[in-house]
Amino acid sequence: MHVIEGAGRWVPPADGTSSRYEEHLRVPDMSLGTYRIPAGGTDGQNPHTEDEVYVVTAGRARLVTPDGAAPVGPGSVVFVPAGEEHRFVDVTEDLTVLVFFGPAEGLRGQAAT
């Protein structure tokens, strides 16, 4: 067992505007981290080669993919398959998201951009 302190909690980025990802756990079959975007901030991520599950713990935004967009807020759980372009936009409240990658992030290599 491993208790993960601080996962899913808001911590302001150093510059006040950029997004920030902090990894908390890495094993071969999965990794877990917290992704934070301040209100009005931008999400600069690229598609990943791993499947992802997002669990929103705080804040509000929209998650946009080529197939559409969905509002997200506390309690939202979203699956994004490997390789799918996606981005959080319209971040109206400081957004904090638990991110689960399967397998661990980066294990399959970099996605083409």
PDB file of N, CA and C in Angstrom:
ATOM      1  N   MET A   1       0.844  -1.175   0.000  1.00  0.00           N
ATOM      2  CA  MET A   1       0.000   0.000   0.000  1.00  0.00           C
ATOM      3  C   MET A   1       0.889   1.237   0.000  1.00  0.00           C
ATOM      4  N   HIS A   2       0.372   2.288  -0.647  1.00  0.00           N
ATOM      5  CA  HIS A   2       1.102   3.556  -0.710  1.00  0.00           C
ATOM      6  C   HIS A   2       0.077   4.688  -0.611  1.00  0.00           C
ATOM      7  N   VAL A   3       0.115   5.445   0.467  1.00  0.00           N
ATOM      8  CA  VAL A   3      -0.758   6.608   0.628  1.00  0.00           C
ATOM      9  C   VAL A   3      -0.113   7.776  -0.099  1.00  0.00           C
ATOM     10  N   ILE A   4      -0.858   8.408  -0.975  1.00  0.00           N
ATOM     11  CA  ILE A   4      -0.315   9.481  -1.811  1.00  0.00           C
ATOM     12  C   ILE A   4      -0.789  10.822  -1.262  1.00  0.00           C
ATOM     13  N   GLU A   5       0.092  11.495  -0.559  1.00  0.00           N
ATOM     14  CA  GLU A   5      -0.229  12.788   0.047  1.00  0.00           C
ATOM     15  C   GLU A   5      -0.238  13.883  -1.012  1.00  0.00           C
ATOM     16  N   GLY A   6      -1.205  14.759  -0.949  1.00  0.00           N
ATOM     17  CA  GLY A   6      -1.249  15.928  -1.820  1.00  0.00           C
ATOM     18  C   GLY A   6      -1.827  15.711  -3.201  1.00  0.00           C
ATOM     19  N   ALA A   7      -2.112  14.481  -3.569  1.00  0.00           N
ATOM     20  CA  ALA A   7      -2.674  14.226  -4.890  1.00  0.00           C
ATOM     21  C   ALA A   7      -4.056  14.865  -4.995  1.00  0.00           C
ATOM     22  N   GLY A   8      -4.299  15.546  -6.103  1.00  0.00           N
ATOM     23  CA  GLY A   8      -5.606  16.143  -6.335  1.00  0.00           C
ATOM     24  C   GLY A   8      -5.848  17.458  -5.629  1.00  0.00           C
ATOM     25  N   ARG A   9      -4.815  18.044  -5.031  1.00  0.00           N
ATOM     26  CA  ARG A   9      -4.974  19.332  -4.329  1.00  0.00           C
ATOM     27  C   ARG A   9      -4.429  20.466  -5.179  1.00  0.00           C
ATOM     28  N   TRP A  10      -5.042  21.638  -5.058  1.00  0.00           N
ATOM     29  CA  TRP A  10      -4.607  22.828  -5.791  1.00  0.00           C
ATOM     30  C   TRP A  10      -3.340  23.392  -5.174  1.00  0.00           C
ATOM     31  N   VAL A  11      -2.350  23.629  -6.004  1.00  0.00           N
ATOM     32  CA  VAL A  11      -1.130  24.339  -5.637  1.00  0.00           C
ATOM     33  C   VAL A  11      -0.891  25.335  -6.763  1.00  0.00           C
ATOM     34  N   PRO A  12      -0.884  26.641  -6.481  1.00  0.00           N
ATOM     35  CA  PRO A  12      -0.722  27.620  -7.561  1.00  0.00           C
ATOM     36  C   PRO A  12       0.611  27.455  -8.282  1.00  0.00           C
ATOM     37  N   PRO A  13       0.604  27.642  -9.610  1.00  0.00           N
ATOM     38  CA  PRO A  13       1.869  27.583 -10.350  1.00  0.00           C
ATOM     39  C   PRO A  13       2.761  28.755  -9.972  1.00  0.00           C
ATOM     40  N   ALA A  14       4.059  28.571 -10.099  1.00  0.00           N
ATOM     41  CA  ALA A  14       5.020  29.598  -9.690  1.00  0.00           C
ATOM     42  C   ALA A  14       4.808  30.918 -10.415  1.00  0.00           C
ATOM     43  N   ASP A  15       4.475  30.856 -11.717  1.00  0.00           N
ATOM     44  CA  ASP A  15       4.303  32.100 -12.465  1.00  0.00           C
ATOM     45  C   ASP A  15       2.862  32.600 -12.459  1.00  0.00           C
ATOM     46  N   GLY A  16       1.956  31.835 -11.840  1.00  0.00           N
ATOM     47  CA  GLY A  16       0.566  32.259 -11.702  1.00  0.00           C
ATOM     48  C   GLY A  16      -0.312  32.028 -12.909  1.00  0.00           C
ATOM     49  N   THR A  17       0.257  31.629 -14.055  1.00  0.00           N
ATOM     50  CA  THR A  17      -0.567  31.491 -15.249  1.00  0.00           C
ATOM     51  C   THR A  17      -0.444  30.157 -15.965  1.00  0.00           C
ATOM     52  N   SER A  18       0.665  29.463 -15.829  1.00  0.00           N
ATOM     53  CA  SER A  18       0.871  28.260 -16.625  1.00  0.00           C
ATOM     54  C   SER A  18       0.330  27.022 -15.926  1.00  0.00           C
ATOM     55  N   SER A  19       0.091  25.992 -16.742  1.00  0.00           N
ATOM     56  CA  SER A  19      -0.358  24.721 -16.192  1.00  0.00           C
ATOM     57  C   SER A  19       0.843  24.002 -15.578  1.00  0.00           C
ATOM     58  N   ARG A  20       0.533  23.022 -14.746  1.00  0.00           N
ATOM     59  CA  ARG A  20       1.601  22.300 -14.052  1.00  0.00           C
ATOM     60  C   ARG A  20       1.159  20.857 -13.816  1.00  0.00           C
ATOM     61  N   TYR A  21       2.034  19.916 -14.117  1.00  0.00           N
ATOM     62  CA  TYR A  21       1.770  18.504 -13.855  1.00  0.00           C
ATOM     63  C   TYR A  21       2.792  18.005 -12.850  1.00  0.00           C
ATOM     64  N   GLU A  22       2.301  17.289 -11.861  1.00  0.00           N
ATOM     65  CA  GLU A  22       3.176  16.708 -10.830  1.00  0.00           C
ATOM     66  C   GLU A  22       2.864  15.226 -10.724  1.00  0.00           C
ATOM     67  N   GLU A  23       3.846  14.394 -11.026  1.00  0.00           N
ATOM     68  CA  GLU A  23       3.644  12.950 -10.923  1.00  0.00           C
ATOM     69  C   GLU A  23       3.796  12.513  -9.469  1.00  0.00           C
ATOM     70  N   HIS A  24       2.890  11.615  -9.029  1.00  0.00           N
ATOM     71  CA  HIS A  24       2.899  11.124  -7.654  1.00  0.00           C
ATOM     72  C   HIS A  24       3.265   9.649  -7.560  1.00  0.00           C
ATOM     73  N   LEU A  25       2.970   8.886  -8.611  1.00  0.00           N
ATOM     74  CA  LEU A  25       3.171   7.443  -8.562  1.00  0.00           C
ATOM     75  C   LEU A  25       3.500   6.942  -9.958  1.00  0.00           C
ATOM     76  N   ARG A  26       4.471   6.022 -10.042  1.00  0.00           N
ATOM     77  CA  ARG A  26       4.814   5.410 -11.327  1.00  0.00           C
ATOM     78  C   ARG A  26       5.145   3.950 -11.087  1.00  0.00           C
ATOM     79  N   VAL A  27       4.395   3.083 -11.730  1.00  0.00           N
ATOM     80  CA  VAL A  27       4.674   1.655 -11.812  1.00  0.00           C
ATOM     81  C   VAL A  27       4.510   1.297 -13.291  1.00  0.00           C
ATOM     82  N   PRO A  28       4.999   0.155 -13.749  1.00  0.00           N
ATOM     83  CA  PRO A  28       4.946  -0.119 -15.190  1.00  0.00           C
ATOM     84  C   PRO A  28       3.549  -0.037 -15.818  1.00  0.00           C
ATOM     85  N   ASP A  29       2.519  -0.474 -15.111  1.00  0.00           N
ATOM     86  CA  ASP A  29       1.190  -0.526 -15.716  1.00  0.00           C
ATOM     87  C   ASP A  29       0.369   0.746 -15.577  1.00  0.00           C
ATOM     88  N   MET A  30       0.846   1.717 -14.802  1.00  0.00           N
ATOM     89  CA  MET A  30       0.095   2.970 -14.662  1.00  0.00           C
ATOM     90  C   MET A  30       0.954   4.039 -14.018  1.00  0.00           C
ATOM     91  N   SER A  31       0.522   5.275 -14.189  1.00  0.00           N
ATOM     92  CA  SER A  31       1.098   6.373 -13.416  1.00  0.00           C
ATOM     93  C   SER A  31      -0.042   7.299 -13.018  1.00  0.00           C
ATOM     94  N   LEU A  32       0.208   8.071 -11.979  1.00  0.00           N
ATOM     95  CA  LEU A  32      -0.802   8.964 -11.413  1.00  0.00           C
ATOM     96  C   LEU A  32      -0.149  10.299 -11.123  1.00  0.00           C
ATOM     97  N   GLY A  33      -0.834  11.354 -11.505  1.00  0.00           N
ATOM     98  CA  GLY A  33      -0.335  12.688 -11.203  1.00  0.00           C
ATOM     99  C   GLY A  33      -1.478  13.666 -11.045  1.00  0.00           C
ATOM    100  N   THR A  34      -1.130  14.882 -10.659  1.00  0.00           N
ATOM    101  CA  THR A  34      -2.099  15.966 -10.543  1.00  0.00           C
ATOM    102  C   THR A  34      -1.747  17.020 -11.576  1.00  0.00           C
ATOM    103  N   TYR A  35      -2.749  17.397 -12.367  1.00  0.00           N
ATOM    104  CA  TYR A  35      -2.589  18.437 -13.381  1.00  0.00           C
ATOM    105  C   TYR A  35      -3.360  19.651 -12.902  1.00  0.00           C
ATOM    106  N   ARG A  36      -2.702  20.810 -12.937  1.00  0.00           N
ATOM    107  CA  ARG A  36      -3.316  22.038 -12.425  1.00  0.00           C
ATOM    108  C   ARG A  36      -3.230  23.126 -13.488  1.00  0.00           C
ATOM    109  N   ILE A  37      -4.356  23.822 -13.695  1.00  0.00           N
ATOM    110  CA  ILE A  37      -4.400  24.963 -14.603  1.00  0.00           C
ATOM    111  C   ILE A  37      -5.130  26.091 -13.866  1.00  0.00           C
ATOM    112  N   PRO A  38      -4.499  27.246 -13.711  1.00  0.00           N
ATOM    113  CA  PRO A  38      -5.178  28.348 -13.027  1.00  0.00           C
ATOM    114  C   PRO A  38      -6.299  28.923 -13.894  1.00  0.00           C
ATOM    115  N   ALA A  39      -7.270  29.550 -13.261  1.00  0.00           N
ATOM    116  CA  ALA A  39      -8.354  30.207 -13.993  1.00  0.00           C
ATOM    117  C   ALA A  39      -7.755  31.137 -15.036  1.00  0.00           C
ATOM    118  N   GLY A  40      -8.254  31.030 -16.268  1.00  0.00           N
ATOM    119  CA  GLY A  40      -7.739  31.841 -17.358  1.00  0.00           C
ATOM    120  C   GLY A  40      -6.470  31.307 -17.982  1.00  0.00           C
ATOM    121  N   GLY A  41      -5.908  30.240 -17.417  1.00  0.00           N
ATOM    122  CA  GLY A  41      -4.664  29.669 -17.928  1.00  0.00           C
ATOM    123  C   GLY A  41      -4.894  28.824 -19.168  1.00  0.00           C
ATOM    124  N   THR A  42      -3.800  28.344 -19.738  1.00  0.00           N
ATOM    125  CA  THR A  42      -3.879  27.536 -20.947  1.00  0.00           C
ATOM    126  C   THR A  42      -3.334  26.134 -20.711  1.00  0.00           C
ATOM    127  N   ASP A  43      -3.874  25.213 -21.471  1.00  0.00           N
ATOM    128  CA  ASP A  43      -3.485  23.807 -21.425  1.00  0.00           C
ATOM    129  C   ASP A  43      -2.633  23.532 -22.656  1.00  0.00           C
ATOM    130  N   GLY A  44      -1.342  23.337 -22.470  1.00  0.00           N
ATOM    131  CA  GLY A  44      -0.434  23.156 -23.592  1.00  0.00           C
ATOM    132  C   GLY A  44      -0.065  21.718 -23.882  1.00  0.00           C
ATOM    133  N   GLN A  45      -0.826  20.763 -23.380  1.00  0.00           N
ATOM    134  CA  GLN A  45      -0.423  19.367 -23.554  1.00  0.00           C
ATOM    135  C   GLN A  45      -0.644  18.882 -24.986  1.00  0.00           C
ATOM    136  N   ASN A  46       0.120  17.866 -25.352  1.00  0.00           N
ATOM    137  CA  ASN A  46      -0.014  17.160 -26.621  1.00  0.00           C
ATOM    138  C   ASN A  46      -0.642  15.806 -26.360  1.00  0.00           C
ATOM    139  N   PRO A  47      -1.170  15.148 -27.404  1.00  0.00           N
ATOM    140  CA  PRO A  47      -1.734  13.807 -27.200  1.00  0.00           C
ATOM    141  C   PRO A  47      -0.693  12.861 -26.606  1.00  0.00           C
ATOM    142  N   HIS A  48      -1.170  11.939 -25.805  1.00  0.00           N
ATOM    143  CA  HIS A  48      -0.289  10.957 -25.167  1.00  0.00           C
ATOM    144  C   HIS A  48      -0.446   9.607 -25.854  1.00  0.00           C
ATOM    145  N   THR A  49       0.563   8.790 -25.719  1.00  0.00           N
ATOM    146  CA  THR A  49       0.518   7.446 -26.294  1.00  0.00           C
ATOM    147  C   THR A  49      -0.137   6.449 -25.347  1.00  0.00           C
ATOM    148  N   GLU A  50      -0.574   6.919 -24.194  1.00  0.00           N
ATOM    149  CA  GLU A  50      -1.225   6.060 -23.201  1.00  0.00           C
ATOM    150  C   GLU A  50      -2.680   6.496 -23.029  1.00  0.00           C
ATOM    151  N   ASP A  51      -3.536   5.550 -22.649  1.00  0.00           N
ATOM    152  CA  ASP A  51      -4.904   5.892 -22.264  1.00  0.00           C
ATOM    153  C   ASP A  51      -4.846   6.735 -20.996  1.00  0.00           C
ATOM    154  N   GLU A  52      -5.832   7.631 -20.838  1.00  0.00           N
ATOM    155  CA  GLU A  52      -5.888   8.495 -19.654  1.00  0.00           C
ATOM    156  C   GLU A  52      -7.288   8.492 -19.058  1.00  0.00           C
ATOM    157  N   VAL A  53      -7.334   8.608 -17.764  1.00  0.00           N
ATOM    158  CA  VAL A  53      -8.585   8.895 -17.054  1.00  0.00           C
ATOM    159  C   VAL A  53      -8.341  10.150 -16.239  1.00  0.00           C
ATOM    160  N   TYR A  54      -9.211  11.145 -16.429  1.00  0.00           N
ATOM    161  CA  TYR A  54      -9.168  12.388 -15.664  1.00  0.00           C
ATOM    162  C   TYR A  54     -10.267  12.350 -14.614  1.00  0.00           C
ATOM    163  N   VAL A  55      -9.923  12.723 -13.382  1.00  0.00           N
ATOM    164  CA  VAL A  55     -10.904  12.895 -12.307  1.00  0.00           C
ATOM    165  C   VAL A  55     -10.740  14.325 -11.800  1.00  0.00           C
ATOM    166  N   VAL A  56     -11.739  15.157 -12.063  1.00  0.00           N
ATOM    167  CA  VAL A  56     -11.664  16.561 -11.661  1.00  0.00           C
ATOM    168  C   VAL A  56     -11.981  16.661 -10.174  1.00  0.00           C
ATOM    169  N   THR A  57     -11.046  17.242  -9.418  1.00  0.00           N
ATOM    170  CA  THR A  57     -11.258  17.396  -7.977  1.00  0.00           C
ATOM    171  C   THR A  57     -11.670  18.815  -7.601  1.00  0.00           C
ATOM    172  N   ALA A  58     -11.359  19.791  -8.467  1.00  0.00           N
ATOM    173  CA  ALA A  58     -11.737  21.182  -8.195  1.00  0.00           C
ATOM    174  C   ALA A  58     -11.690  21.976  -9.490  1.00  0.00           C
ATOM    175  N   GLY A  59     -12.477  23.040  -9.548  1.00  0.00           N
ATOM    176  CA  GLY A  59     -12.454  23.947 -10.675  1.00  0.00           C
ATOM    177  C   GLY A  59     -13.447  23.609 -11.757  1.00  0.00           C
ATOM    178  N   ARG A  60     -13.467  24.461 -12.792  1.00  0.00           N
ATOM    179  CA  ARG A  60     -14.391  24.281 -13.912  1.00  0.00           C
ATOM    180  C   ARG A  60     -13.702  24.664 -15.210  1.00  0.00           C
ATOM    181  N   ALA A  61     -14.023  23.904 -16.269  1.00  0.00           N
ATOM    182  CA  ALA A  61     -13.479  24.147 -17.606  1.00  0.00           C
ATOM    183  C   ALA A  61     -14.311  23.346 -18.593  1.00  0.00           C
ATOM    184  N   ARG A  62     -13.875  23.343 -19.838  1.00  0.00           N
ATOM    185  CA  ARG A  62     -14.424  22.449 -20.857  1.00  0.00           C
ATOM    186  C   ARG A  62     -13.274  21.609 -21.388  1.00  0.00           C
ATOM    187  N   LEU A  63     -13.544  20.335 -21.665  1.00  0.00           N
ATOM    188  CA  LEU A  63     -12.566  19.453 -22.286  1.00  0.00           C
ATOM    189  C   LEU A  63     -12.977  19.292 -23.742  1.00  0.00           C
ATOM    190  N   VAL A  64     -12.072  19.643 -24.652  1.00  0.00           N
ATOM    191  CA  VAL A  64     -12.366  19.645 -26.081  1.00  0.00           C
ATOM    192  C   VAL A  64     -11.560  18.549 -26.768  1.00  0.00           C
ATOM    193  N   THR A  65     -12.229  17.781 -27.631  1.00  0.00           N
ATOM    194  CA  THR A  65     -11.598  16.770 -28.475  1.00  0.00           C
ATOM    195  C   THR A  65     -12.095  16.999 -29.901  1.00  0.00           C
ATOM    196  N   PRO A  66     -11.532  16.305 -30.885  1.00  0.00           N
ATOM    197  CA  PRO A  66     -12.045  16.461 -32.254  1.00  0.00           C
ATOM    198  C   PRO A  66     -13.521  16.086 -32.387  1.00  0.00           C
ATOM    199  N   ASP A  67     -14.025  15.258 -31.483  1.00  0.00           N
ATOM    200  CA  ASP A  67     -15.418  14.812 -31.564  1.00  0.00           C
ATOM    201  C   ASP A  67     -16.396  15.706 -30.816  1.00  0.00           C
ATOM    202  N   GLY A  68     -15.903  16.685 -30.046  1.00  0.00           N
ATOM    203  CA  GLY A  68     -16.829  17.552 -29.321  1.00  0.00           C
ATOM    204  C   GLY A  68     -16.192  18.142 -28.085  1.00  0.00           C
ATOM    205  N   ALA A  69     -17.058  18.682 -27.233  1.00  0.00           N
ATOM    206  CA  ALA A  69     -16.600  19.322 -25.997  1.00  0.00           C
ATOM    207  C   ALA A  69     -17.584  18.980 -24.882  1.00  0.00           C
ATOM    208  N   ALA A  70     -17.071  18.959 -23.656  1.00  0.00           N
ATOM    209  CA  ALA A  70     -17.921  18.672 -22.497  1.00  0.00           C
ATOM    210  C   ALA A  70     -17.482  19.538 -21.329  1.00  0.00           C
ATOM    211  N   PRO A  71     -18.447  20.098 -20.601  1.00  0.00           N
ATOM    212  CA  PRO A  71     -18.077  20.828 -19.388  1.00  0.00           C
ATOM    213  C   PRO A  71     -17.588  19.845 -18.334  1.00  0.00           C
ATOM    214  N   VAL A  72     -16.581  20.255 -17.553  1.00  0.00           N
ATOM    215  CA  VAL A  72     -16.087  19.420 -16.461  1.00  0.00           C
ATOM    216  C   VAL A  72     -16.015  20.259 -15.191  1.00  0.00           C
ATOM    217  N   GLY A  73     -16.235  19.599 -14.085  1.00  0.00           N
ATOM    218  CA  GLY A  73     -16.168  20.228 -12.775  1.00  0.00           C
ATOM    219  C   GLY A  73     -15.940  19.156 -11.736  1.00  0.00           C
ATOM    220  N   PRO A  74     -15.945  19.516 -10.452  1.00  0.00           N
ATOM    221  CA  PRO A  74     -15.677  18.538  -9.397  1.00  0.00           C
ATOM    222  C   PRO A  74     -16.541  17.285  -9.545  1.00  0.00           C
ATOM    223  N   GLY A  75     -15.871  16.147  -9.541  1.00  0.00           N
ATOM    224  CA  GLY A  75     -16.559  14.869  -9.672  1.00  0.00           C
ATOM    225  C   GLY A  75     -16.614  14.334 -11.092  1.00  0.00           C
ATOM    226  N   SER A  76     -16.298  15.158 -12.095  1.00  0.00           N
ATOM    227  CA  SER A  76     -16.286  14.665 -13.477  1.00  0.00           C
ATOM    228  C   SER A  76     -15.185  13.632 -13.648  1.00  0.00           C
ATOM    229  N   VAL A  77     -15.513  12.553 -14.364  1.00  0.00           N
ATOM    230  CA  VAL A  77     -14.546  11.508 -14.692  1.00  0.00           C
ATOM    231  C   VAL A  77     -14.606  11.325 -16.203  1.00  0.00           C
ATOM    232  N   VAL A  78     -13.456  11.475 -16.867  1.00  0.00           N
ATOM    233  CA  VAL A  78     -13.411  11.440 -18.329  1.00  0.00           C
ATOM    234  C   VAL A  78     -12.315  10.485 -18.777  1.00  0.00           C
ATOM    235  N   PHE A  79     -12.656   9.616 -19.736  1.00  0.00           N
ATOM    236  CA  PHE A  79     -11.671   8.730 -20.359  1.00  0.00           C
ATOM    237  C   PHE A  79     -11.244   9.334 -21.688  1.00  0.00           C
ATOM    238  N   VAL A  80      -9.931   9.399 -21.941  1.00  0.00           N
ATOM    239  CA  VAL A  80      -9.384   9.863 -23.214  1.00  0.00           C
ATOM    240  C   VAL A  80      -8.472   8.760 -23.741  1.00  0.00           C
ATOM    241  N   PRO A  81      -8.820   8.174 -24.898  1.00  0.00           N
ATOM    242  CA  PRO A  81      -7.976   7.095 -25.426  1.00  0.00           C
ATOM    243  C   PRO A  81      -6.624   7.606 -25.913  1.00  0.00           C
ATOM    244  N   ALA A  82      -5.675   6.724 -25.919  1.00  0.00           N
ATOM    245  CA  ALA A  82      -4.321   7.051 -26.390  1.00  0.00           C
ATOM    246  C   ALA A  82      -4.377   7.686 -27.766  1.00  0.00           C
ATOM    247  N   GLY A  83      -3.594   8.751 -27.952  1.00  0.00           N
ATOM    248  CA  GLY A  83      -3.477   9.405 -29.239  1.00  0.00           C
ATOM    249  C   GLY A  83      -4.537  10.439 -29.557  1.00  0.00           C
ATOM    250  N   GLU A  84      -5.602  10.510 -28.782  1.00  0.00           N
ATOM    251  CA  GLU A  84      -6.669  11.478 -29.077  1.00  0.00           C
ATOM    252  C   GLU A  84      -6.264  12.886 -28.649  1.00  0.00           C
ATOM    253  N   GLU A  85      -6.371  13.837 -29.573  1.00  0.00           N
ATOM    254  CA  GLU A  85      -6.108  15.227 -29.219  1.00  0.00           C
ATOM    255  C   GLU A  85      -7.177  15.687 -28.243  1.00  0.00           C
ATOM    256  N   HIS A  86      -6.747  16.413 -27.225  1.00  0.00           N
ATOM    257  CA  HIS A  86      -7.680  16.924 -26.226  1.00  0.00           C
ATOM    258  C   HIS A  86      -7.030  18.083 -25.500  1.00  0.00           C
ATOM    259  N   ARG A  87      -7.874  18.958 -24.960  1.00  0.00           N
ATOM    260  CA  ARG A  87      -7.362  20.152 -24.300  1.00  0.00           C
ATOM    261  C   ARG A  87      -8.444  20.712 -23.394  1.00  0.00           C
ATOM    262  N   PHE A  88      -8.015  21.181 -22.220  1.00  0.00           N
ATOM    263  CA  PHE A  88      -8.926  21.915 -21.349  1.00  0.00           C
ATOM    264  C   PHE A  88      -8.939  23.368 -21.805  1.00  0.00           C
ATOM    265  N   VAL A  89     -10.117  23.936 -22.002  1.00  0.00           N
ATOM    266  CA  VAL A  89     -10.266  25.334 -22.419  1.00  0.00           C
ATOM    267  C   VAL A  89     -11.282  26.008 -21.491  1.00  0.00           C
ATOM    268  N   ASP A  90     -11.372  27.322 -21.610  1.00  0.00           N
ATOM    269  CA  ASP A  90     -12.349  28.090 -20.821  1.00  0.00           C
ATOM    270  C   ASP A  90     -12.269  27.729 -19.338  1.00  0.00           C
ATOM    271  N   VAL A  91     -11.070  27.776 -18.802  1.00  0.00           N
ATOM    272  CA  VAL A  91     -10.854  27.451 -17.387  1.00  0.00           C
ATOM    273  C   VAL A  91     -11.342  28.651 -16.571  1.00  0.00           C
ATOM    274  N   THR A  92     -12.524  28.512 -15.983  1.00  0.00           N
ATOM    275  CA  THR A  92     -13.149  29.631 -15.274  1.00  0.00           C
ATOM    276  C   THR A  92     -12.857  29.628 -13.783  1.00  0.00           C
ATOM    277  N   GLU A  93     -12.446  28.478 -13.254  1.00  0.00           N
ATOM    278  CA  GLU A  93     -12.040  28.343 -11.855  1.00  0.00           C
ATOM    279  C   GLU A  93     -10.770  27.504 -11.840  1.00  0.00           C
ATOM    280  N   ASP A  94      -9.857  27.787 -10.912  1.00  0.00           N
ATOM    281  CA  ASP A  94      -8.619  27.007 -10.811  1.00  0.00           C
ATOM    282  C   ASP A  94      -8.946  25.523 -10.920  1.00  0.00           C
ATOM    283  N   LEU A  95      -8.359  24.864 -11.925  1.00  0.00           N
ATOM    284  CA  LEU A  95      -8.689  23.477 -12.242  1.00  0.00           C
ATOM    285  C   LEU A  95      -7.635  22.537 -11.672  1.00  0.00           C
ATOM    286  N   THR A  96      -8.092  21.523 -10.965  1.00  0.00           N
ATOM    287  CA  THR A  96      -7.211  20.489 -10.421  1.00  0.00           C
ATOM    288  C   THR A  96      -7.775  19.141 -10.841  1.00  0.00           C
ATOM    289  N   VAL A  97      -6.924  18.327 -11.476  1.00  0.00           N
ATOM    290  CA  VAL A  97      -7.365  17.069 -12.061  1.00  0.00           C
ATOM    291  C   VAL A  97      -6.388  15.958 -11.695  1.00  0.00           C
ATOM    292  N   LEU A  98      -6.907  14.859 -11.169  1.00  0.00           N
ATOM    293  CA  LEU A  98      -6.092  13.654 -11.030  1.00  0.00           C
ATOM    294  C   LEU A  98      -6.020  13.006 -12.401  1.00  0.00           C
ATOM    295  N   VAL A  99      -4.816  12.589 -12.810  1.00  0.00           N
ATOM    296  CA  VAL A  99      -4.623  11.987 -14.124  1.00  0.00           C
ATOM    297  C   VAL A  99      -4.029  10.590 -13.927  1.00  0.00           C
ATOM    298  N   PHE A 100      -4.725   9.598 -14.449  1.00  0.00           N
ATOM    299  CA  PHE A 100      -4.259   8.220 -14.413  1.00  0.00           C
ATOM    300  C   PHE A 100      -3.878   7.819 -15.832  1.00  0.00           C
ATOM    301  N   PHE A 101      -2.640   7.390 -16.046  1.00  0.00           N
ATOM    302  CA  PHE A 101      -2.176   6.913 -17.342  1.00  0.00           C
ATOM    303  C   PHE A 101      -2.024   5.400 -17.279  1.00  0.00           C
ATOM    304  N   GLY A 102      -2.434   4.711 -18.344  1.00  0.00           N
ATOM    305  CA  GLY A 102      -2.226   3.286 -18.425  1.00  0.00           C
ATOM    306  C   GLY A 102      -1.755   2.902 -19.818  1.00  0.00           C
ATOM    307  N   PRO A 103      -0.582   2.301 -19.964  1.00  0.00           N
ATOM    308  CA  PRO A 103       0.434   2.108 -18.939  1.00  0.00           C
ATOM    309  C   PRO A 103       1.011   3.450 -18.485  1.00  0.00           C
ATOM    310  N   ALA A 104       2.062   3.416 -17.703  1.00  0.00           N
ATOM    311  CA  ALA A 104       2.652   4.641 -17.162  1.00  0.00           C
ATOM    312  C   ALA A 104       2.973   5.630 -18.280  1.00  0.00           C
ATOM    313  N   GLU A 105       2.798   6.930 -17.991  1.00  0.00           N
ATOM    314  CA  GLU A 105       3.028   7.970 -18.994  1.00  0.00           C
ATOM    315  C   GLU A 105       4.423   7.849 -19.589  1.00  0.00           C
ATOM    316  N   GLY A 106       4.481   7.935 -20.918  1.00  0.00           N
ATOM    317  CA  GLY A 106       5.755   7.893 -21.620  1.00  0.00           C
ATOM    318  C   GLY A 106       6.292   6.505 -21.889  1.00  0.00           C
ATOM    319  N   LEU A 107       5.650   5.486 -21.340  1.00  0.00           N
ATOM    320  CA  LEU A 107       6.173   4.123 -21.509  1.00  0.00           C
ATOM    321  C   LEU A 107       6.113   3.661 -22.955  1.00  0.00           C
ATOM    322  N   ARG A 108       5.111   4.122 -23.692  1.00  0.00           N
ATOM    323  CA  ARG A 108       4.976   3.737 -25.096  1.00  0.00           C
ATOM    324  C   ARG A 108       5.714   4.689 -26.038  1.00  0.00           C
ATOM    325  N   GLY A 109       6.384   5.695 -25.522  1.00  0.00           N
ATOM    326  CA  GLY A 109       7.103   6.652 -26.376  1.00  0.00           C
ATOM    327  C   GLY A 109       6.278   7.886 -26.630  1.00  0.00           C
ATOM    328  N   GLN A 110       6.806   8.797 -27.396  1.00  0.00           N
ATOM    329  CA  GLN A 110       6.150  10.074 -27.674  1.00  0.00           C
ATOM    330  C   GLN A 110       5.158   9.946 -28.809  1.00  0.00           C
ATOM    331  N   ALA A 111       4.008  10.626 -28.671  1.00  0.00           N
ATOM    332  CA  ALA A 111       3.017  10.697 -29.752  1.00  0.00           C
ATOM    333  C   ALA A 111       3.514  11.689 -30.792  1.00  0.00           C
ATOM    334  N   ALA A 112       3.120  11.481 -32.015  1.00  0.00           N
ATOM    335  CA  ALA A 112       3.470  12.437 -33.077  1.00  0.00           C
ATOM    336  C   ALA A 112       2.686  13.719 -32.866  1.00  0.00           C
ATOM    337  N   THR A 113       3.320  14.841 -33.116  1.00  0.00           N
ATOM    338  CA  THR A 113       2.628  16.128 -32.970  1.00  0.00           C
ATOM    339  C   THR A 113       2.465  16.809 -34.305  1.00  0.00           C
TER     340      THR A 113
END
